[in-house]
Amino acid sequence: MQFQAAFAHLLETLFSLFAALVIMRGLLQWSRADYFNPVSKIIVKLTDPVLAPMRKLLPAIGRIDTASVIMVLLLQWMAVNILLWPVQHTVSWLTGLHWALLKSLHLLLMTWLILVFANVVISWLGQQTRHPIIPLIYQLSEPLLRPIRRILPTLGGLDFSPLVVILLLQFLMILIGWSPRSF
């Protein structure tokens, strides 16, 4: 029984990691990030085998990559089924879809939270480093920060928009009520 639970957890983690990559791929398109960035190229190369065929069937809606959204939901649905298999052995479609949607939203919010935190840390350390992920972090987090910056002015040279965005993201995470212990 412990081996089965450990193996289910490992598989669920792998599905969630790939779902996070697919979310990053969707965010690349949504934020119109630089696709020539080496990190972007890695994300595209890792996700293309599953997303390229889906894109032929599911075209993008504006800046939203429909194939990425559907793939994340599908991956999270499979992860939920894997997690619940040792406990229930069967999961209804509606229950699985509900948990997959919550898990996907949580993963998206967590990804944005990490990107905003990384943006803050990089701004503290300075932009002297020339790693290709640094401009990508700015490009992916800027669509969240820009609207807050328009409303909230800088005070004494301090930008409080990341703090507001972090609080909003945490609020949304609590609001959707997802936690791994929710099962």
N, C-alpha and C. Protein backbone atom coordinates (compact mmCIF):
# COMPACT_ATOMS: atom_id res chain seq x y z
N MET A 1 0.82 -1.20 0.00
CA MET A 1 0.00 0.00 0.00
C MET A 1 0.87 1.26 0.00
N GLN A 2 1.96 1.27 0.78
CA GLN A 2 2.82 2.44 0.80
C GLN A 2 3.53 2.63 -0.53
N PHE A 3 3.94 1.52 -1.14
CA PHE A 3 4.59 1.61 -2.45
C PHE A 3 3.62 2.21 -3.47
N GLN A 4 2.38 1.77 -3.44
CA GLN A 4 1.37 2.28 -4.37
C GLN A 4 1.14 3.78 -4.16
N ALA A 5 1.07 4.22 -2.91
CA ALA A 5 0.87 5.64 -2.61
C ALA A 5 2.10 6.45 -3.03
N ALA A 6 3.29 5.93 -2.78
CA ALA A 6 4.52 6.63 -3.17
C ALA A 6 4.62 6.74 -4.69
N PHE A 7 4.29 5.66 -5.39
CA PHE A 7 4.34 5.67 -6.84
C PHE A 7 3.29 6.63 -7.41
N ALA A 8 2.10 6.65 -6.82
CA ALA A 8 1.05 7.58 -7.26
C ALA A 8 1.49 9.02 -7.06
N HIS A 9 2.15 9.29 -5.93
CA HIS A 9 2.64 10.64 -5.66
C HIS A 9 3.72 11.03 -6.67
N LEU A 10 4.61 10.11 -7.00
CA LEU A 10 5.65 10.38 -7.99
C LEU A 10 5.03 10.71 -9.35
N LEU A 11 4.08 9.89 -9.78
CA LEU A 11 3.43 10.14 -11.07
C LEU A 11 2.67 11.47 -11.06
N GLU A 12 1.97 11.75 -9.98
CA GLU A 12 1.22 13.00 -9.87
C GLU A 12 2.18 14.19 -9.95
N THR A 13 3.33 14.08 -9.31
CA THR A 13 4.32 15.15 -9.34
C THR A 13 4.85 15.37 -10.76
N LEU A 14 5.12 14.29 -11.47
CA LEU A 14 5.61 14.41 -12.85
C LEU A 14 4.56 15.06 -13.75
N PHE A 15 3.29 14.66 -13.60
CA PHE A 15 2.22 15.27 -14.38
C PHE A 15 2.11 16.76 -14.06
N SER A 16 2.21 17.11 -12.78
CA SER A 16 2.11 18.52 -12.38
C SER A 16 3.30 19.34 -12.87
N LEU A 17 4.50 18.76 -12.87
CA LEU A 17 5.66 19.48 -13.40
C LEU A 17 5.51 19.76 -14.89
N PHE A 18 5.01 18.76 -15.62
CA PHE A 18 4.80 18.98 -17.05
C PHE A 18 3.68 19.99 -17.26
N ALA A 19 2.65 19.94 -16.42
CA ALA A 19 1.56 20.93 -16.50
C ALA A 19 2.11 22.33 -16.25
N ALA A 20 3.06 22.46 -15.33
CA ALA A 20 3.68 23.77 -15.07
C ALA A 20 4.43 24.26 -16.31
N LEU A 21 5.11 23.36 -17.00
CA LEU A 21 5.78 23.74 -18.26
C LEU A 21 4.78 24.21 -19.30
N VAL A 22 3.65 23.51 -19.39
CA VAL A 22 2.62 23.89 -20.36
C VAL A 22 2.03 25.24 -19.98
N ILE A 23 1.86 25.49 -18.67
CA ILE A 23 1.39 26.81 -18.23
C ILE A 23 2.40 27.88 -18.65
N MET A 24 3.68 27.60 -18.45
CA MET A 24 4.71 28.56 -18.87
C MET A 24 4.61 28.82 -20.37
N ARG A 25 4.37 27.77 -21.13
CA ARG A 25 4.22 27.93 -22.59
C ARG A 25 3.03 28.82 -22.91
N GLY A 26 1.92 28.62 -22.21
CA GLY A 26 0.76 29.48 -22.41
C GLY A 26 1.03 30.91 -22.00
N LEU A 27 1.78 31.09 -20.91
CA LEU A 27 2.13 32.44 -20.46
C LEU A 27 3.06 33.14 -21.44
N LEU A 28 3.92 32.37 -22.11
CA LEU A 28 4.79 32.95 -23.12
C LEU A 28 3.96 33.63 -24.21
N GLN A 29 2.91 32.95 -24.63
CA GLN A 29 2.06 33.51 -25.67
C GLN A 29 1.20 34.65 -25.11
N TRP A 30 0.65 34.47 -23.91
CA TRP A 30 -0.22 35.48 -23.31
C TRP A 30 0.52 36.80 -23.08
N SER A 31 1.77 36.71 -22.61
CA SER A 31 2.53 37.92 -22.31
C SER A 31 3.33 38.42 -23.51
N ARG A 32 3.28 37.67 -24.60
CA ARG A 32 4.05 37.99 -25.80
C ARG A 32 5.54 38.09 -25.49
N ALA A 33 6.02 37.12 -24.75
CA ALA A 33 7.43 37.08 -24.37
C ALA A 33 8.29 36.73 -25.57
N ASP A 34 9.57 36.97 -25.44
CA ASP A 34 10.54 36.73 -26.50
C ASP A 34 10.72 35.22 -26.72
N TYR A 35 10.27 34.74 -27.87
CA TYR A 35 10.40 33.31 -28.19
C TYR A 35 11.84 32.95 -28.59
N PHE A 36 12.69 33.93 -28.81
CA PHE A 36 14.07 33.66 -29.17
C PHE A 36 14.98 33.54 -27.95
N ASN A 37 14.43 33.80 -26.78
CA ASN A 37 15.15 33.61 -25.53
C ASN A 37 15.47 32.12 -25.39
N PRO A 38 16.70 31.76 -25.00
CA PRO A 38 17.05 30.34 -24.88
C PRO A 38 16.14 29.56 -23.93
N VAL A 39 15.70 30.19 -22.85
CA VAL A 39 14.80 29.49 -21.91
C VAL A 39 13.45 29.26 -22.57
N SER A 40 12.97 30.24 -23.31
CA SER A 40 11.71 30.09 -24.05
C SER A 40 11.82 28.94 -25.05
N LYS A 41 12.96 28.87 -25.72
CA LYS A 41 13.16 27.81 -26.70
C LYS A 41 13.11 26.43 -26.05
N ILE A 42 13.67 26.32 -24.84
CA ILE A 42 13.63 25.04 -24.11
C ILE A 42 12.19 24.68 -23.77
N ILE A 43 11.42 25.66 -23.27
CA ILE A 43 10.03 25.41 -22.92
C ILE A 43 9.24 24.98 -24.16
N VAL A 44 9.45 25.67 -25.26
CA VAL A 44 8.75 25.34 -26.51
C VAL A 44 9.14 23.95 -26.99
N LYS A 45 10.42 23.64 -26.93
CA LYS A 45 10.90 22.33 -27.40
C LYS A 45 10.33 21.18 -26.56
N LEU A 46 10.22 21.40 -25.24
CA LEU A 46 9.69 20.35 -24.36
C LEU A 46 8.18 20.17 -24.49
N THR A 47 7.46 21.23 -24.82
CA THR A 47 6.01 21.13 -24.88
C THR A 47 5.45 20.94 -26.29
N ASP A 48 6.25 21.20 -27.30
CA ASP A 48 5.78 21.09 -28.68
C ASP A 48 5.25 19.70 -29.07
N PRO A 49 5.88 18.60 -28.63
CA PRO A 49 5.36 17.30 -29.07
C PRO A 49 3.89 17.07 -28.73
N VAL A 50 3.41 17.61 -27.62
CA VAL A 50 2.00 17.42 -27.28
C VAL A 50 1.13 18.60 -27.72
N LEU A 51 1.68 19.79 -27.76
CA LEU A 51 0.86 20.96 -28.07
C LEU A 51 0.72 21.22 -29.57
N ALA A 52 1.73 20.90 -30.36
CA ALA A 52 1.66 21.17 -31.80
C ALA A 52 0.47 20.46 -32.46
N PRO A 53 0.24 19.16 -32.20
CA PRO A 53 -0.93 18.52 -32.81
C PRO A 53 -2.25 19.11 -32.29
N MET A 54 -2.27 19.49 -31.02
CA MET A 54 -3.50 20.05 -30.45
C MET A 54 -3.81 21.42 -31.04
N ARG A 55 -2.78 22.17 -31.39
CA ARG A 55 -2.99 23.51 -31.95
C ARG A 55 -3.68 23.46 -33.31
N LYS A 56 -3.52 22.35 -34.01
CA LYS A 56 -4.20 22.21 -35.30
C LYS A 56 -5.71 22.10 -35.10
N LEU A 57 -6.10 21.49 -33.98
CA LEU A 57 -7.52 21.32 -33.68
C LEU A 57 -8.10 22.47 -32.88
N LEU A 58 -7.28 23.07 -32.02
CA LEU A 58 -7.73 24.11 -31.11
C LEU A 58 -6.95 25.40 -31.34
N PRO A 59 -7.43 26.27 -32.20
CA PRO A 59 -6.70 27.52 -32.44
C PRO A 59 -6.76 28.43 -31.22
N ALA A 60 -5.81 29.33 -31.14
CA ALA A 60 -5.76 30.28 -30.03
C ALA A 60 -6.93 31.24 -30.12
N ILE A 61 -7.38 31.71 -28.94
CA ILE A 61 -8.42 32.72 -28.87
C ILE A 61 -7.74 34.00 -28.39
N GLY A 62 -7.45 34.88 -29.31
CA GLY A 62 -6.69 36.09 -28.97
C GLY A 62 -5.30 35.70 -28.51
N ARG A 63 -4.94 36.16 -27.31
CA ARG A 63 -3.62 35.83 -26.76
C ARG A 63 -3.65 34.56 -25.92
N ILE A 64 -4.82 33.95 -25.78
CA ILE A 64 -4.94 32.74 -24.96
C ILE A 64 -4.71 31.51 -25.82
N ASP A 65 -3.74 30.72 -25.43
CA ASP A 65 -3.40 29.50 -26.14
C ASP A 65 -4.34 28.39 -25.67
N THR A 66 -5.37 28.13 -26.43
CA THR A 66 -6.40 27.16 -26.06
C THR A 66 -5.82 25.77 -25.87
N ALA A 67 -4.89 25.38 -26.71
CA ALA A 67 -4.29 24.05 -26.59
C ALA A 67 -3.58 23.89 -25.25
N SER A 68 -2.90 24.93 -24.80
CA SER A 68 -2.21 24.87 -23.50
C SER A 68 -3.22 24.74 -22.36
N VAL A 69 -4.31 25.49 -22.43
CA VAL A 69 -5.33 25.43 -21.38
C VAL A 69 -5.92 24.04 -21.29
N ILE A 70 -6.31 23.47 -22.42
CA ILE A 70 -6.90 22.14 -22.45
C ILE A 70 -5.89 21.09 -21.97
N MET A 71 -4.64 21.23 -22.40
CA MET A 71 -3.61 20.26 -22.00
C MET A 71 -3.36 20.32 -20.49
N VAL A 72 -3.32 21.52 -19.91
CA VAL A 72 -3.12 21.63 -18.47
C VAL A 72 -4.28 20.96 -17.73
N LEU A 73 -5.50 21.23 -18.18
CA LEU A 73 -6.66 20.60 -17.54
C LEU A 73 -6.60 19.08 -17.66
N LEU A 74 -6.23 18.60 -18.83
CA LEU A 74 -6.11 17.15 -19.04
C LEU A 74 -5.02 16.54 -18.15
N LEU A 75 -3.87 17.19 -18.09
CA LEU A 75 -2.78 16.69 -17.24
C LEU A 75 -3.18 16.70 -15.76
N GLN A 76 -3.85 17.75 -15.34
CA GLN A 76 -4.27 17.81 -13.94
C GLN A 76 -5.39 16.82 -13.65
N TRP A 77 -6.25 16.57 -14.63
CA TRP A 77 -7.29 15.55 -14.46
C TRP A 77 -6.64 14.17 -14.27
N MET A 78 -5.63 13.89 -15.08
CA MET A 78 -4.92 12.62 -14.93
C MET A 78 -4.20 12.55 -13.58
N ALA A 79 -3.61 13.67 -13.15
CA ALA A 79 -2.92 13.70 -11.86
C ALA A 79 -3.90 13.45 -10.71
N VAL A 80 -5.08 14.05 -10.79
CA VAL A 80 -6.10 13.83 -9.75
C VAL A 80 -6.52 12.37 -9.72
N ASN A 81 -6.72 11.79 -10.89
CA ASN A 81 -7.11 10.38 -10.94
C ASN A 81 -6.01 9.47 -10.38
N ILE A 82 -4.76 9.82 -10.65
CA ILE A 82 -3.65 9.03 -10.11
C ILE A 82 -3.59 9.17 -8.60
N LEU A 83 -3.79 10.39 -8.10
CA LEU A 83 -3.76 10.61 -6.66
C LEU A 83 -4.89 9.89 -5.94
N LEU A 84 -6.07 9.91 -6.54
CA LEU A 84 -7.23 9.31 -5.88
C LEU A 84 -7.33 7.81 -6.09
N TRP A 85 -6.59 7.25 -7.02
CA TRP A 85 -6.69 5.82 -7.31
C TRP A 85 -6.45 4.93 -6.09
N PRO A 86 -5.39 5.16 -5.30
CA PRO A 86 -5.20 4.27 -4.15
C PRO A 86 -6.32 4.37 -3.12
N VAL A 87 -7.02 5.48 -3.10
CA VAL A 87 -8.06 5.69 -2.09
C VAL A 87 -9.43 5.24 -2.58
N GLN A 88 -9.83 5.68 -3.77
CA GLN A 88 -11.19 5.45 -4.26
C GLN A 88 -11.30 4.42 -5.37
N HIS A 89 -10.31 4.24 -6.15
CA HIS A 89 -10.27 3.35 -7.32
C HIS A 89 -11.13 3.83 -8.48
N THR A 90 -12.11 4.68 -8.25
CA THR A 90 -12.87 5.28 -9.35
C THR A 90 -13.16 6.73 -9.00
N VAL A 91 -13.11 7.55 -10.01
CA VAL A 91 -13.39 8.97 -9.83
C VAL A 91 -14.38 9.36 -10.92
N SER A 92 -15.47 10.02 -10.52
CA SER A 92 -16.45 10.44 -11.52
C SER A 92 -15.83 11.55 -12.38
N TRP A 93 -16.35 11.68 -13.58
CA TRP A 93 -15.85 12.70 -14.50
C TRP A 93 -15.99 14.08 -13.91
N LEU A 94 -17.14 14.35 -13.31
CA LEU A 94 -17.40 15.67 -12.76
C LEU A 94 -16.48 15.99 -11.59
N THR A 95 -16.27 15.02 -10.71
CA THR A 95 -15.36 15.22 -9.57
C THR A 95 -13.94 15.44 -10.07
N GLY A 96 -13.52 14.61 -11.00
CA GLY A 96 -12.17 14.74 -11.57
C GLY A 96 -11.97 16.08 -12.24
N LEU A 97 -12.98 16.53 -13.00
CA LEU A 97 -12.88 17.82 -13.68
C LEU A 97 -12.86 18.97 -12.68
N HIS A 98 -13.67 18.87 -11.63
CA HIS A 98 -13.68 19.90 -10.59
C HIS A 98 -12.31 20.04 -9.95
N TRP A 99 -11.73 18.92 -9.52
CA TRP A 99 -10.40 18.96 -8.88
C TRP A 99 -9.31 19.39 -9.86
N ALA A 100 -9.44 18.95 -11.12
CA ALA A 100 -8.45 19.34 -12.13
C ALA A 100 -8.48 20.85 -12.37
N LEU A 101 -9.69 21.42 -12.40
CA LEU A 101 -9.81 22.86 -12.59
C LEU A 101 -9.19 23.62 -11.41
N LEU A 102 -9.50 23.17 -10.19
CA LEU A 102 -8.92 23.82 -9.01
C LEU A 102 -7.40 23.68 -8.99
N LYS A 103 -6.92 22.49 -9.31
CA LYS A 103 -5.47 22.23 -9.33
C LYS A 103 -4.79 23.09 -10.41
N SER A 104 -5.42 23.23 -11.56
CA SER A 104 -4.86 24.04 -12.65
C SER A 104 -4.81 25.51 -12.27
N LEU A 105 -5.89 26.02 -11.68
CA LEU A 105 -5.90 27.41 -11.24
C LEU A 105 -4.85 27.64 -10.17
N HIS A 106 -4.73 26.71 -9.24
CA HIS A 106 -3.72 26.85 -8.19
C HIS A 106 -2.32 26.86 -8.79
N LEU A 107 -2.06 25.99 -9.75
CA LEU A 107 -0.75 25.92 -10.39
C LEU A 107 -0.45 27.21 -11.15
N LEU A 108 -1.44 27.77 -11.83
CA LEU A 108 -1.26 29.04 -12.54
C LEU A 108 -0.94 30.16 -11.55
N LEU A 109 -1.73 30.24 -10.47
CA LEU A 109 -1.49 31.28 -9.47
C LEU A 109 -0.13 31.11 -8.81
N MET A 110 0.26 29.87 -8.54
CA MET A 110 1.56 29.61 -7.93
C MET A 110 2.69 29.98 -8.88
N THR A 111 2.51 29.71 -10.15
CA THR A 111 3.52 30.08 -11.15
C THR A 111 3.70 31.59 -11.18
N TRP A 112 2.58 32.32 -11.20
CA TRP A 112 2.66 33.78 -11.19
C TRP A 112 3.30 34.28 -9.90
N LEU A 113 2.96 33.65 -8.78
CA LEU A 113 3.54 34.05 -7.49
C LEU A 113 5.05 33.90 -7.51
N ILE A 114 5.53 32.79 -8.02
CA ILE A 114 6.97 32.55 -8.12
C ILE A 114 7.63 33.57 -9.05
N LEU A 115 6.98 33.86 -10.18
CA LEU A 115 7.53 34.83 -11.12
C LEU A 115 7.63 36.23 -10.50
N VAL A 116 6.61 36.64 -9.75
CA VAL A 116 6.64 37.96 -9.12
C VAL A 116 7.71 38.00 -8.03
N PHE A 117 7.81 36.93 -7.22
CA PHE A 117 8.87 36.86 -6.21
C PHE A 117 10.24 36.94 -6.87
N ALA A 118 10.43 36.19 -7.96
CA ALA A 118 11.71 36.22 -8.67
C ALA A 118 11.99 37.62 -9.20
N ASN A 119 10.97 38.29 -9.71
CA ASN A 119 11.11 39.66 -10.20
C ASN A 119 11.61 40.57 -9.09
N VAL A 120 11.04 40.44 -7.89
CA VAL A 120 11.44 41.28 -6.76
C VAL A 120 12.89 41.00 -6.36
N VAL A 121 13.23 39.73 -6.25
CA VAL A 121 14.59 39.36 -5.84
C VAL A 121 15.61 39.87 -6.85
N ILE A 122 15.30 39.72 -8.14
CA ILE A 122 16.22 40.20 -9.18
C ILE A 122 16.36 41.72 -9.10
N SER A 123 15.27 42.42 -8.81
CA SER A 123 15.37 43.88 -8.72
C SER A 123 16.22 44.30 -7.53
N TRP A 124 16.24 43.52 -6.46
CA TRP A 124 17.09 43.82 -5.31
C TRP A 124 18.56 43.56 -5.60
N LEU A 125 18.81 42.47 -6.31
CA LEU A 125 20.20 42.08 -6.58
C LEU A 125 20.82 42.89 -7.71
N GLY A 126 20.00 43.51 -8.47
CA GLY A 126 20.51 44.26 -9.61
C GLY A 126 20.43 43.42 -10.86
N GLN A 127 20.53 44.07 -11.97
CA GLN A 127 20.38 43.38 -13.25
C GLN A 127 21.72 43.15 -13.94
N GLN A 128 22.79 43.06 -13.13
CA GLN A 128 24.11 42.87 -13.72
C GLN A 128 24.25 41.47 -14.35
N THR A 129 23.57 40.50 -13.79
CA THR A 129 23.69 39.16 -14.35
C THR A 129 23.06 39.12 -15.73
N ARG A 130 23.66 38.34 -16.56
CA ARG A 130 23.20 38.29 -17.95
C ARG A 130 22.57 36.94 -18.28
N HIS A 131 21.97 36.31 -17.30
CA HIS A 131 21.31 35.03 -17.57
C HIS A 131 20.04 35.28 -18.37
N PRO A 132 19.75 34.44 -19.37
CA PRO A 132 18.59 34.68 -20.24
C PRO A 132 17.24 34.55 -19.52
N ILE A 133 17.22 33.95 -18.33
CA ILE A 133 15.93 33.82 -17.65
C ILE A 133 15.47 35.15 -17.04
N ILE A 134 16.40 36.07 -16.79
CA ILE A 134 16.05 37.33 -16.14
C ILE A 134 15.10 38.17 -17.00
N PRO A 135 15.40 38.43 -18.28
CA PRO A 135 14.41 39.18 -19.06
C PRO A 135 13.09 38.43 -19.22
N LEU A 136 13.16 37.11 -19.25
CA LEU A 136 11.94 36.31 -19.38
C LEU A 136 11.06 36.46 -18.13
N ILE A 137 11.67 36.47 -16.97
CA ILE A 137 10.91 36.67 -15.72
C ILE A 137 10.21 38.02 -15.75
N TYR A 138 10.92 39.06 -16.20
CA TYR A 138 10.31 40.38 -16.31
C TYR A 138 9.15 40.37 -17.31
N GLN A 139 9.35 39.73 -18.45
CA GLN A 139 8.31 39.70 -19.48
C GLN A 139 7.07 38.94 -19.02
N LEU A 140 7.26 37.86 -18.25
CA LEU A 140 6.12 37.06 -17.80
C LEU A 140 5.39 37.67 -16.60
N SER A 141 6.08 38.45 -15.79
CA SER A 141 5.43 39.04 -14.62
C SER A 141 4.90 40.45 -14.88
N GLU A 142 5.40 41.10 -15.90
CA GLU A 142 4.99 42.49 -16.18
C GLU A 142 3.50 42.64 -16.47
N PRO A 143 2.83 41.72 -17.19
CA PRO A 143 1.39 41.90 -17.39
C PRO A 143 0.57 41.92 -16.09
N LEU A 144 1.08 41.33 -15.05
CA LEU A 144 0.40 41.39 -13.75
C LEU A 144 0.72 42.69 -13.01
N LEU A 145 1.95 43.14 -13.13
CA LEU A 145 2.40 44.31 -12.37
C LEU A 145 1.98 45.63 -13.01
N ARG A 146 1.93 45.67 -14.33
CA ARG A 146 1.64 46.92 -15.05
C ARG A 146 0.32 47.57 -14.63
N PRO A 147 -0.80 46.83 -14.57
CA PRO A 147 -2.06 47.49 -14.17
C PRO A 147 -2.01 48.06 -12.75
N ILE A 148 -1.32 47.40 -11.85
CA ILE A 148 -1.21 47.89 -10.47
C ILE A 148 -0.33 49.15 -10.45
N ARG A 149 0.72 49.16 -11.25
CA ARG A 149 1.60 50.33 -11.31
C ARG A 149 0.87 51.56 -11.83
N ARG A 150 -0.12 51.36 -12.69
CA ARG A 150 -0.90 52.48 -13.20
C ARG A 150 -1.74 53.11 -12.10
N ILE A 151 -2.22 52.27 -11.18
CA ILE A 151 -3.10 52.74 -10.10
C ILE A 151 -2.29 53.23 -8.91
N LEU A 152 -1.28 52.47 -8.54
CA LEU A 152 -0.50 52.75 -7.33
C LEU A 152 0.84 53.38 -7.72
N PRO A 153 1.03 54.65 -7.40
CA PRO A 153 2.31 55.28 -7.78
C PRO A 153 3.45 54.79 -6.88
N THR A 154 4.66 54.96 -7.36
CA THR A 154 5.82 54.62 -6.53
C THR A 154 5.93 55.65 -5.42
N LEU A 155 6.31 55.20 -4.25
CA LEU A 155 6.43 56.08 -3.09
C LEU A 155 7.88 56.14 -2.67
N GLY A 156 8.49 57.28 -2.84
CA GLY A 156 9.89 57.43 -2.47
C GLY A 156 10.82 56.51 -3.24
N GLY A 157 10.46 56.22 -4.49
CA GLY A 157 11.28 55.34 -5.32
C GLY A 157 11.01 53.86 -5.08
N LEU A 158 10.07 53.55 -4.20
CA LEU A 158 9.73 52.15 -3.94
C LEU A 158 8.49 51.75 -4.72
N ASP A 159 8.57 50.60 -5.36
CA ASP A 159 7.46 50.08 -6.15
C ASP A 159 6.72 49.03 -5.30
N PHE A 160 5.49 49.35 -4.92
CA PHE A 160 4.71 48.44 -4.09
C PHE A 160 3.79 47.53 -4.91
N SER A 161 3.86 47.62 -6.22
CA SER A 161 2.99 46.79 -7.06
C SER A 161 3.24 45.28 -6.86
N PRO A 162 4.50 44.82 -6.69
CA PRO A 162 4.67 43.39 -6.44
C PRO A 162 3.99 42.93 -5.14
N LEU A 163 4.03 43.75 -4.13
CA LEU A 163 3.37 43.40 -2.87
C LEU A 163 1.87 43.26 -3.06
N VAL A 164 1.27 44.19 -3.79
CA VAL A 164 -0.17 44.14 -4.06
C VAL A 164 -0.51 42.89 -4.88
N VAL A 165 0.29 42.61 -5.89
CA VAL A 165 0.04 41.43 -6.74
C VAL A 165 0.18 40.15 -5.91
N ILE A 166 1.19 40.07 -5.07
CA ILE A 166 1.39 38.89 -4.23
C ILE A 166 0.19 38.70 -3.30
N LEU A 167 -0.28 39.78 -2.70
CA LEU A 167 -1.45 39.69 -1.82
C LEU A 167 -2.69 39.24 -2.59
N LEU A 168 -2.88 39.78 -3.80
CA LEU A 168 -4.03 39.37 -4.62
C LEU A 168 -3.94 37.90 -5.03
N LEU A 169 -2.75 37.46 -5.41
CA LEU A 169 -2.57 36.06 -5.79
C LEU A 169 -2.84 35.13 -4.60
N GLN A 170 -2.34 35.49 -3.43
CA GLN A 170 -2.60 34.69 -2.24
C GLN A 170 -4.08 34.68 -1.90
N PHE A 171 -4.74 35.83 -2.04
CA PHE A 171 -6.18 35.92 -1.80
C PHE A 171 -6.93 34.96 -2.73
N LEU A 172 -6.57 34.97 -4.02
CA LEU A 172 -7.22 34.09 -4.98
C LEU A 172 -6.94 32.62 -4.68
N MET A 173 -5.73 32.31 -4.23
CA MET A 173 -5.41 30.92 -3.89
C MET A 173 -6.26 30.44 -2.72
N ILE A 174 -6.46 31.30 -1.74
CA ILE A 174 -7.31 30.94 -0.61
C ILE A 174 -8.76 30.86 -1.05
N LEU A 175 -9.18 31.77 -1.93
CA LEU A 175 -10.55 31.81 -2.40
C LEU A 175 -10.95 30.54 -3.15
N ILE A 176 -10.07 30.04 -4.00
CA ILE A 176 -10.42 28.82 -4.75
C ILE A 176 -10.37 27.60 -3.85
N GLY A 177 -9.71 27.71 -2.73
CA GLY A 177 -9.76 26.65 -1.75
C GLY A 177 -8.99 25.39 -2.08
N TRP A 178 -8.05 25.49 -2.99
CA TRP A 178 -7.28 24.28 -3.33
C TRP A 178 -6.12 24.12 -2.37
N SER A 179 -5.97 22.93 -1.88
CA SER A 179 -4.75 22.54 -1.20
C SER A 179 -4.60 21.05 -1.43
N PRO A 180 -3.37 20.55 -1.44
CA PRO A 180 -3.17 19.12 -1.68
C PRO A 180 -3.89 18.26 -0.64
N ARG A 181 -4.19 18.81 0.51
CA ARG A 181 -4.87 18.04 1.56
C ARG A 181 -6.39 18.09 1.40
N SER A 182 -6.88 18.71 0.32
CA SER A 182 -8.32 18.88 0.14
C SER A 182 -9.03 17.58 -0.23
N PHE A 183 -8.28 16.61 -0.69
CA PHE A 183 -8.92 15.37 -1.15
C PHE A 183 -9.60 14.67 -0.01
